[in-house]
Amino acid sequence: MYAIRYTLERQLNGNEKFDEDIYLNDFIKKPWGHEYRVYCDSMYDVWKLRIDPAQTTSMHCHLHKDTVLLCLGGTGTDPAPNVPSVLS
């Protein structure tokens, strides 16, 4: 999460340094699967997450960033309180 926050802060400050963020362009292993940066410019930072079967990740938000999760394949559940839903 530090890498994403650090990148976002630099974008907001107008000093984005894509050449220094090259390590974010590889698969980043996570306990629940992996994530991969698909696209990034001064406005957007798009990531593809692979959440392995029977694994979970946190639902969270960032102060200066809109976050959207789209299920591209398979199914999952949204653990939001009092909002039962199945994602597919």
C-alpha atoms as a PDB file:
ATOM      1  CA  MET A   1       0.000   0.000   0.000  1.00  0.00           C
ATOM      2  CA  TYR A   2       2.920   2.341   0.623  1.00  0.00           C
ATOM      3  CA  ALA A   3       3.889   2.228  -3.072  1.00  0.00           C
ATOM      4  CA  ILE A   4       0.392   3.183  -4.200  1.00  0.00           C
ATOM      5  CA  ARG A   5       0.078   5.989  -1.625  1.00  0.00           C
ATOM      6  CA  TYR A   6       3.554   7.290  -2.518  1.00  0.00           C
ATOM      7  CA  THR A   7       2.689   7.290  -6.237  1.00  0.00           C
ATOM      8  CA  LEU A   8      -0.634   9.020  -5.588  1.00  0.00           C
ATOM      9  CA  GLU A   9       0.963  11.742  -3.464  1.00  0.00           C
ATOM     10  CA  ARG A  10       3.455  12.487  -6.218  1.00  0.00           C
ATOM     11  CA  GLN A  11       0.643  12.629  -8.783  1.00  0.00           C
ATOM     12  CA  LEU A  12      -1.281  15.115  -6.659  1.00  0.00           C
ATOM     13  CA  ASN A  13       1.840  17.215  -6.160  1.00  0.00           C
ATOM     14  CA  GLY A  14       2.467  17.269  -9.914  1.00  0.00           C
ATOM     15  CA  ASN A  15       5.811  15.520  -9.685  1.00  0.00           C
ATOM     16  CA  GLU A  16       4.998  12.045 -11.032  1.00  0.00           C
ATOM     17  CA  LYS A  17       8.153  10.068 -11.818  1.00  0.00           C
ATOM     18  CA  PHE A  18       7.087   7.061 -13.884  1.00  0.00           C
ATOM     19  CA  ASP A  19      10.693   5.968 -14.460  1.00  0.00           C
ATOM     20  CA  GLU A  20      11.154   5.504 -10.691  1.00  0.00           C
ATOM     21  CA  ASP A  21       7.947   3.444 -10.414  1.00  0.00           C
ATOM     22  CA  ILE A  22       9.078   0.789 -12.898  1.00  0.00           C
ATOM     23  CA  TYR A  23       8.996  -1.850 -10.126  1.00  0.00           C
ATOM     24  CA  LEU A  24       5.210  -1.385  -9.998  1.00  0.00           C
ATOM     25  CA  ASN A  25       4.941  -2.733 -13.553  1.00  0.00           C
ATOM     26  CA  ASP A  26       5.712  -6.319 -12.440  1.00  0.00           C
ATOM     27  CA  PHE A  27       3.453  -8.823 -10.706  1.00  0.00           C
ATOM     28  CA  ILE A  28       3.326  -7.953  -7.022  1.00  0.00           C
ATOM     29  CA  LYS A  29       2.735 -11.060  -4.907  1.00  0.00           C
ATOM     30  CA  LYS A  30       0.185 -10.717  -2.124  1.00  0.00           C
ATOM     31  CA  PRO A  31      -1.008 -13.210   0.523  1.00  0.00           C
ATOM     32  CA  TRP A  32      -4.356 -13.420  -1.318  1.00  0.00           C
ATOM     33  CA  GLY A  33      -2.973 -13.666  -4.878  1.00  0.00           C
ATOM     34  CA  HIS A  34      -1.257 -10.914  -6.848  1.00  0.00           C
ATOM     35  CA  GLU A  35      -1.775  -7.495  -8.395  1.00  0.00           C
ATOM     36  CA  TYR A  36      -0.471  -5.976 -11.571  1.00  0.00           C
ATOM     37  CA  ARG A  37      -0.460  -2.377 -12.784  1.00  0.00           C
ATOM     38  CA  VAL A  38      -2.264  -2.336 -16.126  1.00  0.00           C
ATOM     39  CA  TYR A  39      -2.121   1.382 -16.909  1.00  0.00           C
ATOM     40  CA  CYS A  40      -0.911   4.572 -15.294  1.00  0.00           C
ATOM     41  CA  ASP A  41      -0.768   8.237 -16.256  1.00  0.00           C
ATOM     42  CA  SER A  42      -1.156  11.517 -14.382  1.00  0.00           C
ATOM     43  CA  MET A  43      -4.914  10.911 -13.919  1.00  0.00           C
ATOM     44  CA  TYR A  44      -5.406   7.146 -13.678  1.00  0.00           C
ATOM     45  CA  ASP A  45      -3.724   4.212 -12.013  1.00  0.00           C
ATOM     46  CA  VAL A  46      -5.413   0.957 -13.097  1.00  0.00           C
ATOM     47  CA  TRP A  47      -4.609  -2.330 -11.390  1.00  0.00           C
ATOM     48  CA  LYS A  48      -5.703  -5.901 -12.064  1.00  0.00           C
ATOM     49  CA  LEU A  49      -6.026  -8.026  -8.931  1.00  0.00           C
ATOM     50  CA  ARG A  50      -6.089 -11.814  -8.861  1.00  0.00           C
ATOM     51  CA  ILE A  51      -7.737 -12.987  -5.668  1.00  0.00           C
ATOM     52  CA  ASP A  52      -7.186 -16.725  -5.318  1.00  0.00           C
ATOM     53  CA  PRO A  53     -10.108 -19.023  -4.407  1.00  0.00           C
ATOM     54  CA  ALA A  54     -10.975 -18.985  -0.690  1.00  0.00           C
ATOM     55  CA  GLN A  55      -8.835 -15.854  -0.156  1.00  0.00           C
ATOM     56  CA  THR A  56      -9.905 -12.355   0.877  1.00  0.00           C
ATOM     57  CA  THR A  57      -8.593  -8.824   0.655  1.00  0.00           C
ATOM     58  CA  SER A  58      -9.574  -5.668   2.471  1.00  0.00           C
ATOM     59  CA  MET A  59     -12.181  -3.243   1.202  1.00  0.00           C
ATOM     60  CA  HIS A  60     -10.766   0.219   1.775  1.00  0.00           C
ATOM     61  CA  CYS A  61     -10.573   3.670   0.248  1.00  0.00           C
ATOM     62  CA  HIS A  62      -8.011   6.411  -0.255  1.00  0.00           C
ATOM     63  CA  LEU A  63      -8.427  10.061   0.614  1.00  0.00           C
ATOM     64  CA  HIS A  64      -7.697  11.518  -2.841  1.00  0.00           C
ATOM     65  CA  LYS A  65      -8.605   8.572  -5.035  1.00  0.00           C
ATOM     66  CA  ASP A  66     -11.773   6.945  -6.318  1.00  0.00           C
ATOM     67  CA  THR A  67     -11.562   3.175  -6.089  1.00  0.00           C
ATOM     68  CA  VAL A  68     -13.736   0.796  -8.087  1.00  0.00           C
ATOM     69  CA  LEU A  69     -13.592  -2.990  -7.989  1.00  0.00           C
ATOM     70  CA  LEU A  70     -14.966  -4.865 -11.006  1.00  0.00           C
ATOM     71  CA  CYS A  71     -15.282  -8.650 -11.052  1.00  0.00           C
ATOM     72  CA  LEU A  72     -13.889  -9.765 -14.433  1.00  0.00           C
ATOM     73  CA  GLY A  73     -14.309 -13.490 -13.869  1.00  0.00           C
ATOM     74  CA  GLY A  74     -15.472 -15.993 -11.292  1.00  0.00           C
ATOM     75  CA  THR A  75     -17.599 -15.086  -8.302  1.00  0.00           C
ATOM     76  CA  GLY A  76     -17.096 -13.573  -4.887  1.00  0.00           C
ATOM     77  CA  THR A  77     -18.997 -11.975  -2.061  1.00  0.00           C
ATOM     78  CA  ASP A  78     -19.048  -8.431  -0.759  1.00  0.00           C
ATOM     79  CA  PRO A  79     -18.675  -8.548   3.027  1.00  0.00           C
ATOM     80  CA  ALA A  80     -20.160  -5.080   3.549  1.00  0.00           C
ATOM     81  CA  PRO A  81     -22.301  -5.057   6.720  1.00  0.00           C
ATOM     82  CA  ASN A  82     -26.016  -5.511   6.111  1.00  0.00           C
ATOM     83  CA  VAL A  83     -25.534  -5.629   2.324  1.00  0.00           C
ATOM     84  CA  PRO A  84     -25.581  -9.270   1.189  1.00  0.00           C
ATOM     85  CA  SER A  85     -24.366  -9.531  -2.380  1.00  0.00           C
ATOM     86  CA  VAL A  86     -22.654 -11.932  -4.743  1.00  0.00           C
ATOM     87  CA  LEU A  87     -20.231 -10.544  -7.299  1.00  0.00           C
ATOM     88  CA  SER A  88     -19.772 -12.249 -10.638  1.00  0.00           C
END
